[in-house]
Amino acid sequence: MELGSNSDARNGDRLYNRIAVLRAERGLSRSALANALQVNYQTIGYIERGDFKPSLELAFRISEYFGLPIEAIFSRTPFRPLSEEVYGNHNAPPSGDSK
């Protein structure tokens, strides 16, 4: 199995990822992604939930599959929602609103 250490994830040294978001954008099931990466579909679920960290080799394969740099998929700190990153702060009132 292509899994990294699970003790790190349980001890608070979590690795955050956007795999579920990337799959949803592309209409991919866990099974389809797992088949493309040649891993068990449960591995994808464990990684998505943060239960396991992928090996470096698997992280590179995921990166290559999605055509994105590793740091766009994995982070040691929580990701901001994509809508905030793309469109900015949605908590601010619309421009021209005097309230």
C-alpha atoms as a PDB file:
ATOM      1  CA  MET A   1       0.000   0.000   0.000  1.00  0.00           C
ATOM      2  CA  GLU A   2       1.272   3.505  -0.871  1.00  0.00           C
ATOM      3  CA  LEU A   3       0.662   5.146   2.492  1.00  0.00           C
ATOM      4  CA  GLY A   4       2.875   7.342   4.579  1.00  0.00           C
ATOM      5  CA  SER A   5       2.909   7.384   8.348  1.00  0.00           C
ATOM      6  CA  ASN A   6      -0.446   7.589  10.046  1.00  0.00           C
ATOM      7  CA  SER A   7       1.012   8.457  13.471  1.00  0.00           C
ATOM      8  CA  ASP A   8       1.932  11.969  12.276  1.00  0.00           C
ATOM      9  CA  ALA A   9      -1.656  12.695  11.235  1.00  0.00           C
ATOM     10  CA  ARG A  10      -2.948  11.533  14.615  1.00  0.00           C
ATOM     11  CA  ASN A  11      -0.380  13.624  16.497  1.00  0.00           C
ATOM     12  CA  GLY A  12      -1.500  16.909  14.942  1.00  0.00           C
ATOM     13  CA  ASP A  13       1.130  17.083  12.198  1.00  0.00           C
ATOM     14  CA  ARG A  14      -1.598  16.975   9.592  1.00  0.00           C
ATOM     15  CA  LEU A  15      -1.173  17.303   5.857  1.00  0.00           C
ATOM     16  CA  TYR A  16      -4.115  19.128   4.270  1.00  0.00           C
ATOM     17  CA  ASN A  17      -5.098  18.495   0.673  1.00  0.00           C
ATOM     18  CA  ARG A  18      -7.512  19.482  -2.077  1.00  0.00           C
ATOM     19  CA  ILE A  19      -7.876  16.071  -3.672  1.00  0.00           C
ATOM     20  CA  ALA A  20     -11.649  15.887  -3.086  1.00  0.00           C
ATOM     21  CA  VAL A  21     -12.120  19.334  -4.648  1.00  0.00           C
ATOM     22  CA  LEU A  22      -9.948  18.428  -7.628  1.00  0.00           C
ATOM     23  CA  ARG A  23     -11.841  15.171  -8.121  1.00  0.00           C
ATOM     24  CA  ALA A  24     -15.193  16.978  -7.951  1.00  0.00           C
ATOM     25  CA  GLU A  25     -14.076  19.573 -10.505  1.00  0.00           C
ATOM     26  CA  ARG A  26     -13.200  16.777 -12.905  1.00  0.00           C
ATOM     27  CA  GLY A  27     -16.133  14.506 -12.098  1.00  0.00           C
ATOM     28  CA  LEU A  28     -13.820  11.729 -10.860  1.00  0.00           C
ATOM     29  CA  SER A  29     -14.769   9.067  -8.358  1.00  0.00           C
ATOM     30  CA  ARG A  30     -12.254   7.862  -5.802  1.00  0.00           C
ATOM     31  CA  SER A  31     -12.099   4.593  -7.719  1.00  0.00           C
ATOM     32  CA  ALA A  32     -11.315   6.310 -11.024  1.00  0.00           C
ATOM     33  CA  LEU A  33      -8.520   8.357  -9.463  1.00  0.00           C
ATOM     34  CA  ALA A  34      -7.189   5.315  -7.628  1.00  0.00           C
ATOM     35  CA  ASN A  35      -7.121   3.306 -10.865  1.00  0.00           C
ATOM     36  CA  ALA A  36      -5.260   6.096 -12.653  1.00  0.00           C
ATOM     37  CA  LEU A  37      -2.718   6.249  -9.819  1.00  0.00           C
ATOM     38  CA  GLN A  38      -2.557   2.458  -9.420  1.00  0.00           C
ATOM     39  CA  VAL A  39      -3.561   2.487  -5.733  1.00  0.00           C
ATOM     40  CA  ASN A  40      -6.535   1.109  -3.815  1.00  0.00           C
ATOM     41  CA  TYR A  41      -9.571   3.433  -3.798  1.00  0.00           C
ATOM     42  CA  GLN A  42      -9.471   3.388   0.023  1.00  0.00           C
ATOM     43  CA  THR A  43      -6.031   4.985  -0.117  1.00  0.00           C
ATOM     44  CA  ILE A  44      -7.564   8.027  -1.803  1.00  0.00           C
ATOM     45  CA  GLY A  45     -10.208   8.267   0.918  1.00  0.00           C
ATOM     46  CA  TYR A  46      -7.619   7.980   3.700  1.00  0.00           C
ATOM     47  CA  ILE A  47      -5.503  10.717   2.132  1.00  0.00           C
ATOM     48  CA  GLU A  48      -8.497  13.003   1.489  1.00  0.00           C
ATOM     49  CA  ARG A  49      -9.608  12.727   5.119  1.00  0.00           C
ATOM     50  CA  GLY A  50      -6.088  13.319   6.413  1.00  0.00           C
ATOM     51  CA  ASP A  51      -5.916   9.872   7.990  1.00  0.00           C
ATOM     52  CA  PHE A  52      -2.730   9.066   6.057  1.00  0.00           C
ATOM     53  CA  LYS A  53      -0.054  11.042   4.279  1.00  0.00           C
ATOM     54  CA  PRO A  54       0.948   9.927   0.794  1.00  0.00           C
ATOM     55  CA  SER A  55       4.498   8.876   0.118  1.00  0.00           C
ATOM     56  CA  LEU A  56       6.562  11.457  -1.723  1.00  0.00           C
ATOM     57  CA  GLU A  57       6.371   9.303  -4.842  1.00  0.00           C
ATOM     58  CA  LEU A  58       2.564   9.124  -4.660  1.00  0.00           C
ATOM     59  CA  ALA A  59       2.323  12.877  -3.998  1.00  0.00           C
ATOM     60  CA  PHE A  60       4.297  13.451  -7.213  1.00  0.00           C
ATOM     61  CA  ARG A  61       2.020  11.080  -9.136  1.00  0.00           C
ATOM     62  CA  ILE A  62      -1.066  12.924  -7.844  1.00  0.00           C
ATOM     63  CA  SER A  63       0.526  16.231  -8.803  1.00  0.00           C
ATOM     64  CA  GLU A  64       1.345  14.991 -12.289  1.00  0.00           C
ATOM     65  CA  TYR A  65      -2.129  13.506 -12.742  1.00  0.00           C
ATOM     66  CA  PHE A  66      -3.849  16.814 -11.975  1.00  0.00           C
ATOM     67  CA  GLY A  67      -1.181  18.882 -13.741  1.00  0.00           C
ATOM     68  CA  LEU A  68      -0.629  21.031 -10.655  1.00  0.00           C
ATOM     69  CA  PRO A  69       2.347  21.690  -8.392  1.00  0.00           C
ATOM     70  CA  ILE A  70       2.396  19.678  -5.191  1.00  0.00           C
ATOM     71  CA  GLU A  71       1.911  22.831  -3.091  1.00  0.00           C
ATOM     72  CA  ALA A  72      -1.390  23.502  -4.903  1.00  0.00           C
ATOM     73  CA  ILE A  73      -2.659  20.094  -3.730  1.00  0.00           C
ATOM     74  CA  PHE A  74      -0.994  19.610  -0.324  1.00  0.00           C
ATOM     75  CA  SER A  75      -0.285  22.006   2.538  1.00  0.00           C
ATOM     76  CA  ARG A  76       0.858  21.812   6.147  1.00  0.00           C
ATOM     77  CA  THR A  77      -1.702  24.524   7.019  1.00  0.00           C
ATOM     78  CA  PRO A  78      -5.424  24.559   6.156  1.00  0.00           C
ATOM     79  CA  PHE A  79      -6.273  25.880   2.710  1.00  0.00           C
ATOM     80  CA  ARG A  80      -8.430  28.951   2.313  1.00  0.00           C
ATOM     81  CA  PRO A  81     -11.601  28.174   0.360  1.00  0.00           C
ATOM     82  CA  LEU A  82     -10.962  28.388  -3.383  1.00  0.00           C
ATOM     83  CA  SER A  83     -13.701  31.005  -3.718  1.00  0.00           C
ATOM     84  CA  GLU A  84     -11.745  33.320  -1.389  1.00  0.00           C
ATOM     85  CA  GLU A  85      -8.499  32.726  -3.223  1.00  0.00           C
ATOM     86  CA  VAL A  86     -10.055  33.358  -6.615  1.00  0.00           C
ATOM     87  CA  TYR A  87     -12.577  36.076  -5.812  1.00  0.00           C
ATOM     88  CA  GLY A  88     -11.227  37.646  -2.616  1.00  0.00           C
ATOM     89  CA  ASN A  89     -13.027  38.280   0.646  1.00  0.00           C
ATOM     90  CA  HIS A  90     -16.772  37.652   0.316  1.00  0.00           C
ATOM     91  CA  ASN A  91     -17.501  38.961   3.809  1.00  0.00           C
ATOM     92  CA  ALA A  92     -16.949  42.553   2.709  1.00  0.00           C
ATOM     93  CA  PRO A  93     -20.046  44.435   1.543  1.00  0.00           C
ATOM     94  CA  PRO A  94     -20.319  44.978  -2.217  1.00  0.00           C
ATOM     95  CA  SER A  95     -18.724  48.198  -3.436  1.00  0.00           C
ATOM     96  CA  GLY A  96     -21.189  51.083  -3.499  1.00  0.00           C
ATOM     97  CA  ASP A  97     -23.154  49.638  -0.550  1.00  0.00           C
ATOM     98  CA  SER A  98     -23.328  52.335   2.122  1.00  0.00           C
ATOM     99  CA  LYS A  99     -24.516  49.961   4.888  1.00  0.00           C
END
